C-alpha atoms as a PDB file:
ATOM      1  CA  UNK A   1      -0.061   0.181  -0.267  1.00  0.00           C
ATOM      2  CA  UNK A   2       1.302   2.826  -0.682  1.00  0.00           C
ATOM      3  CA  UNK A   3       2.292   5.801   1.376  1.00  0.00           C
ATOM      4  CA  UNK A   4       1.711   9.849   1.425  1.00  0.00           C
ATOM      5  CA  UNK A   5       5.166  11.928   0.742  1.00  0.00           C
ATOM      6  CA  UNK A   6       6.629  14.376   0.795  1.00  0.00           C
ATOM      7  CA  UNK A   7      10.044  16.747  -1.154  1.00  0.00           C
ATOM      8  CA  UNK A   8      11.011  19.563  -0.392  1.00  0.00           C
ATOM      9  CA  UNK A   9      12.829  21.567  -2.584  1.00  0.00           C
ATOM     10  CA  UNK A  10      15.042  24.634  -1.747  1.00  0.00           C
ATOM     11  CA  UNK A  11      15.979  26.568  -5.447  1.00  0.00           C
ATOM     12  CA  UNK A  12      18.505  29.586  -6.647  1.00  0.00           C
ATOM     13  CA  UNK A  13      17.516  30.793  -9.609  1.00  0.00           C
ATOM     14  CA  UNK A  14      18.512  33.703 -12.074  1.00  0.00           C
ATOM     15  CA  UNK A  15      18.807  34.800 -15.646  1.00  0.00           C
ATOM     16  CA  UNK A  16      22.809  33.925 -15.355  1.00  0.00           C
ATOM     17  CA  UNK A  17      25.076  32.536 -12.348  1.00  0.00           C
ATOM     18  CA  UNK A  18      27.629  30.407 -11.304  1.00  0.00           C
ATOM     19  CA  UNK A  19      26.640  27.348 -10.280  1.00  0.00           C
ATOM     20  CA  UNK A  20      30.009  26.216  -8.749  1.00  0.00           C
ATOM     21  CA  UNK A  21      30.045  29.674  -7.822  1.00  0.00           C
ATOM     22  CA  UNK A  22      27.183  29.420  -5.567  1.00  0.00           C
ATOM     23  CA  UNK A  23      28.774  25.681  -3.830  1.00  0.00           C
ATOM     24  CA  UNK A  24      31.032  26.931  -3.142  1.00  0.00           C
ATOM     25  CA  UNK A  25      29.878  30.081  -1.330  1.00  0.00           C
ATOM     26  CA  UNK A  26      27.946  28.021   0.726  1.00  0.00           C
ATOM     27  CA  UNK A  27      30.363  24.836   0.249  1.00  0.00           C
ATOM     28  CA  UNK A  28      26.958  22.559  -0.634  1.00  0.00           C
ATOM     29  CA  UNK A  29      26.886  20.232  -3.399  1.00  0.00           C
ATOM     30  CA  UNK A  30      23.481  20.629  -5.379  1.00  0.00           C
ATOM     31  CA  UNK A  31      21.072  17.754  -6.141  1.00  0.00           C
ATOM     32  CA  UNK A  32      21.022  19.913 -10.116  1.00  0.00           C
ATOM     33  CA  UNK A  33      21.843  22.436 -11.263  1.00  0.00           C
ATOM     34  CA  UNK A  34      21.435  23.740 -15.091  1.00  0.00           C
ATOM     35  CA  UNK A  35      21.932  26.588 -17.441  1.00  0.00           C
ATOM     36  CA  UNK A  36      20.035  29.152 -18.593  1.00  0.00           C
ATOM     37  CA  UNK A  37      20.489  27.847 -22.333  1.00  0.00           C
ATOM     38  CA  UNK A  38      21.122  24.033 -21.482  1.00  0.00           C
ATOM     39  CA  UNK A  39      19.505  21.650 -23.726  1.00  0.00           C
ATOM     40  CA  UNK A  40      16.182  19.917 -21.802  1.00  0.00           C
ATOM     41  CA  UNK A  41      17.028  16.517 -22.067  1.00  0.00           C
ATOM     42  CA  UNK A  42      13.991  14.456 -24.324  1.00  0.00           C
ATOM     43  CA  UNK A  43      13.229  18.328 -25.916  1.00  0.00           C
ATOM     44  CA  UNK A  44      14.013  20.088 -28.475  1.00  0.00           C
ATOM     45  CA  UNK A  45      14.115  23.196 -25.703  1.00  0.00           C
ATOM     46  CA  UNK A  46      16.410  25.132 -24.124  1.00  0.00           C
ATOM     47  CA  UNK A  47      16.429  26.218 -20.429  1.00  0.00           C
ATOM     48  CA  UNK A  48      15.787  29.590 -20.510  1.00  0.00           C
ATOM     49  CA  UNK A  49      17.139  30.067 -16.104  1.00  0.00           C
ATOM     50  CA  UNK A  50      19.679  28.496 -14.692  1.00  0.00           C
ATOM     51  CA  UNK A  51      19.639  26.662 -11.528  1.00  0.00           C
ATOM     52  CA  UNK A  52      20.890  25.639  -8.665  1.00  0.00           C
ATOM     53  CA  UNK A  53      18.940  22.685  -6.288  1.00  0.00           C
ATOM     54  CA  UNK A  54      18.691  21.394  -3.326  1.00  0.00           C
ATOM     55  CA  UNK A  55      15.845  18.757  -2.678  1.00  0.00           C
ATOM     56  CA  UNK A  56      15.179  15.913  -0.724  1.00  0.00           C
ATOM     57  CA  UNK A  57      14.440  12.584  -1.560  1.00  0.00           C
ATOM     58  CA  UNK A  58      10.341  11.206  -1.142  1.00  0.00           C
ATOM     59  CA  UNK A  59       9.470  10.219   1.778  1.00  0.00           C
ATOM     60  CA  UNK A  60       7.057   8.282   4.187  1.00  0.00           C
ATOM     61  CA  UNK A  61       5.514  11.560   5.822  1.00  0.00           C
ATOM     62  CA  UNK A  62       1.949  13.261   7.546  1.00  0.00           C
ATOM     63  CA  UNK A  63       4.416  16.428   8.580  1.00  0.00           C
ATOM     64  CA  UNK A  64       5.868  18.957   6.172  1.00  0.00           C
ATOM     65  CA  UNK A  65       8.077  20.369   8.636  1.00  0.00           C
ATOM     66  CA  UNK A  66      10.067  17.067   8.867  1.00  0.00           C
ATOM     67  CA  UNK A  67      11.509  17.179   4.922  1.00  0.00           C
ATOM     68  CA  UNK A  68      11.546  21.631   5.485  1.00  0.00           C
ATOM     69  CA  UNK A  69      14.049  21.063   9.028  1.00  0.00           C
ATOM     70  CA  UNK A  70      16.088  18.823   6.910  1.00  0.00           C
ATOM     71  CA  UNK A  71      16.310  21.432   3.654  1.00  0.00           C
ATOM     72  CA  UNK A  72      16.677  23.779   6.606  1.00  0.00           C
ATOM     73  CA  UNK A  73      19.660  23.140   8.965  1.00  0.00           C
ATOM     74  CA  UNK A  74      21.796  23.140   5.721  1.00  0.00           C
ATOM     75  CA  UNK A  75      21.096  26.362   4.951  1.00  0.00           C
ATOM     76  CA  UNK A  76      20.236  28.282   8.005  1.00  0.00           C
ATOM     77  CA  UNK A  77      23.931  29.587   8.832  1.00  0.00           C
ATOM     78  CA  UNK A  78      23.956  30.292   5.455  1.00  0.00           C
ATOM     79  CA  UNK A  79      21.221  33.262   5.985  1.00  0.00           C
ATOM     80  CA  UNK A  80      24.188  36.115   5.012  1.00  0.00           C
ATOM     81  CA  UNK A  81      25.587  35.254   1.807  1.00  0.00           C
ATOM     82  CA  UNK A  82      22.502  33.989   1.100  1.00  0.00           C
ATOM     83  CA  UNK A  83      21.317  38.559   1.072  1.00  0.00           C
ATOM     84  CA  UNK A  84      25.126  39.212  -1.113  1.00  0.00           C
ATOM     85  CA  UNK A  85      24.966  36.841  -3.606  1.00  0.00           C
ATOM     86  CA  UNK A  86      20.297  37.405  -3.844  1.00  0.00           C
ATOM     87  CA  UNK A  87      21.028  41.133  -4.317  1.00  0.00           C
ATOM     88  CA  UNK A  88      25.327  40.037  -6.356  1.00  0.00           C
ATOM     89  CA  UNK A  89      23.379  38.575  -8.973  1.00  0.00           C
ATOM     90  CA  UNK A  90      20.031  38.864  -9.274  1.00  0.00           C
ATOM     91  CA  UNK A  91      18.751  35.385  -7.983  1.00  0.00           C
ATOM     92  CA  UNK A  92      15.840  34.491  -6.430  1.00  0.00           C
ATOM     93  CA  UNK A  93      15.133  32.025  -4.526  1.00  0.00           C
ATOM     94  CA  UNK A  94      11.757  29.769  -3.674  1.00  0.00           C
ATOM     95  CA  UNK A  95      11.401  26.134  -1.303  1.00  0.00           C
ATOM     96  CA  UNK A  96       8.961  24.105  -3.449  1.00  0.00           C
ATOM     97  CA  UNK A  97       6.695  21.766  -0.984  1.00  0.00           C
ATOM     98  CA  UNK A  98       5.342  18.289  -3.524  1.00  0.00           C
ATOM     99  CA  UNK A  99       2.591  16.201  -1.600  1.00  0.00           C
ATOM    100  CA  UNK A 100       1.559  12.914  -2.838  1.00  0.00           C
ATOM    101  CA  UNK A 101      -1.332  11.690  -0.285  1.00  0.00           C
ATOM    102  CA  UNK A 102      -2.345   8.475  -0.851  1.00  0.00           C
ATOM    103  CA  UNK A 103      -5.154   7.179   1.062  1.00  0.00           C
ATOM    104  CA  UNK A 104      -6.655  10.343   2.240  1.00  0.00           C
ATOM    105  CA  UNK A 105      -3.646  10.604   4.951  1.00  0.00           C
ATOM    106  CA  UNK A 106      -2.988  14.146   4.072  1.00  0.00           C
ATOM    107  CA  UNK A 107      -0.194  15.615   6.535  1.00  0.00           C
ATOM    108  CA  UNK A 108       0.071  18.019   8.753  1.00  0.00           C
ATOM    109  CA  UNK A 109       1.392  21.906   6.596  1.00  0.00           C
ATOM    110  CA  UNK A 110       1.903  24.795   8.304  1.00  0.00           C
ATOM    111  CA  UNK A 111       5.048  26.574   8.729  1.00  0.00           C
ATOM    112  CA  UNK A 112       6.541  27.745  11.717  1.00  0.00           C
ATOM    113  CA  UNK A 113       8.710  30.620  12.972  1.00  0.00           C
ATOM    114  CA  UNK A 114      11.958  29.895  11.876  1.00  0.00           C
ATOM    115  CA  UNK A 115      10.951  28.440   8.538  1.00  0.00           C
ATOM    116  CA  UNK A 116       8.855  31.672   8.133  1.00  0.00           C
ATOM    117  CA  UNK A 117      11.534  33.724   9.917  1.00  0.00           C
ATOM    118  CA  UNK A 118      14.326  32.952   7.597  1.00  0.00           C
ATOM    119  CA  UNK A 119      12.072  32.787   4.528  1.00  0.00           C
ATOM    120  CA  UNK A 120      10.852  36.208   5.198  1.00  0.00           C
ATOM    121  CA  UNK A 121      15.162  37.662   5.120  1.00  0.00           C
ATOM    122  CA  UNK A 122      15.894  36.264   2.490  1.00  0.00           C
ATOM    123  CA  UNK A 123      12.806  37.233   0.538  1.00  0.00           C
ATOM    124  CA  UNK A 124      12.414  33.659  -0.238  1.00  0.00           C
ATOM    125  CA  UNK A 125       8.492  32.278  -1.935  1.00  0.00           C
ATOM    126  CA  UNK A 126       7.073  29.087  -1.607  1.00  0.00           C
ATOM    127  CA  UNK A 127       5.472  26.494  -3.717  1.00  0.00           C
ATOM    128  CA  UNK A 128       3.109  23.814  -2.407  1.00  0.00           C
ATOM    129  CA  UNK A 129       2.241  21.059  -5.057  1.00  0.00           C
ATOM    130  CA  UNK A 130      -0.380  18.635  -3.465  1.00  0.00           C
ATOM    131  CA  UNK A 131      -1.155  15.512  -5.358  1.00  0.00           C
ATOM    132  CA  UNK A 132      -4.067  13.602  -4.777  1.00  0.00           C
ATOM    133  CA  UNK A 133      -4.101  10.293  -6.229  1.00  0.00           C
ATOM    134  CA  UNK A 134      -6.379   8.156  -3.932  1.00  0.00           C
END
């Protein structure tokens, strides 16, 4: 029987920036990255922006904060760097929360104070994608 699962991504996006430099500054290896103009595999179009991303795996969960805290723990002490590079490279930050609901088991969805404060300070947006399967 499939269980409800959650994945969280922290995405840095912008027109053009050096993803290796971002990795070096943050001392993190991205889960995924690509440059504006890169081919999209299997398609005849190119990437329209540069992306640097860290993410959790899909994990069985009934509380999105379990996955949010994993991402937050890896970037919380990098707030000043994130603020500096946001201005320097005109970057945008996004927390993407992807929820696959199975067996009508919906996870707890709230944002704790630490997350709200951090997201506000780095001027991040957040998206919630909710997919209901059964």
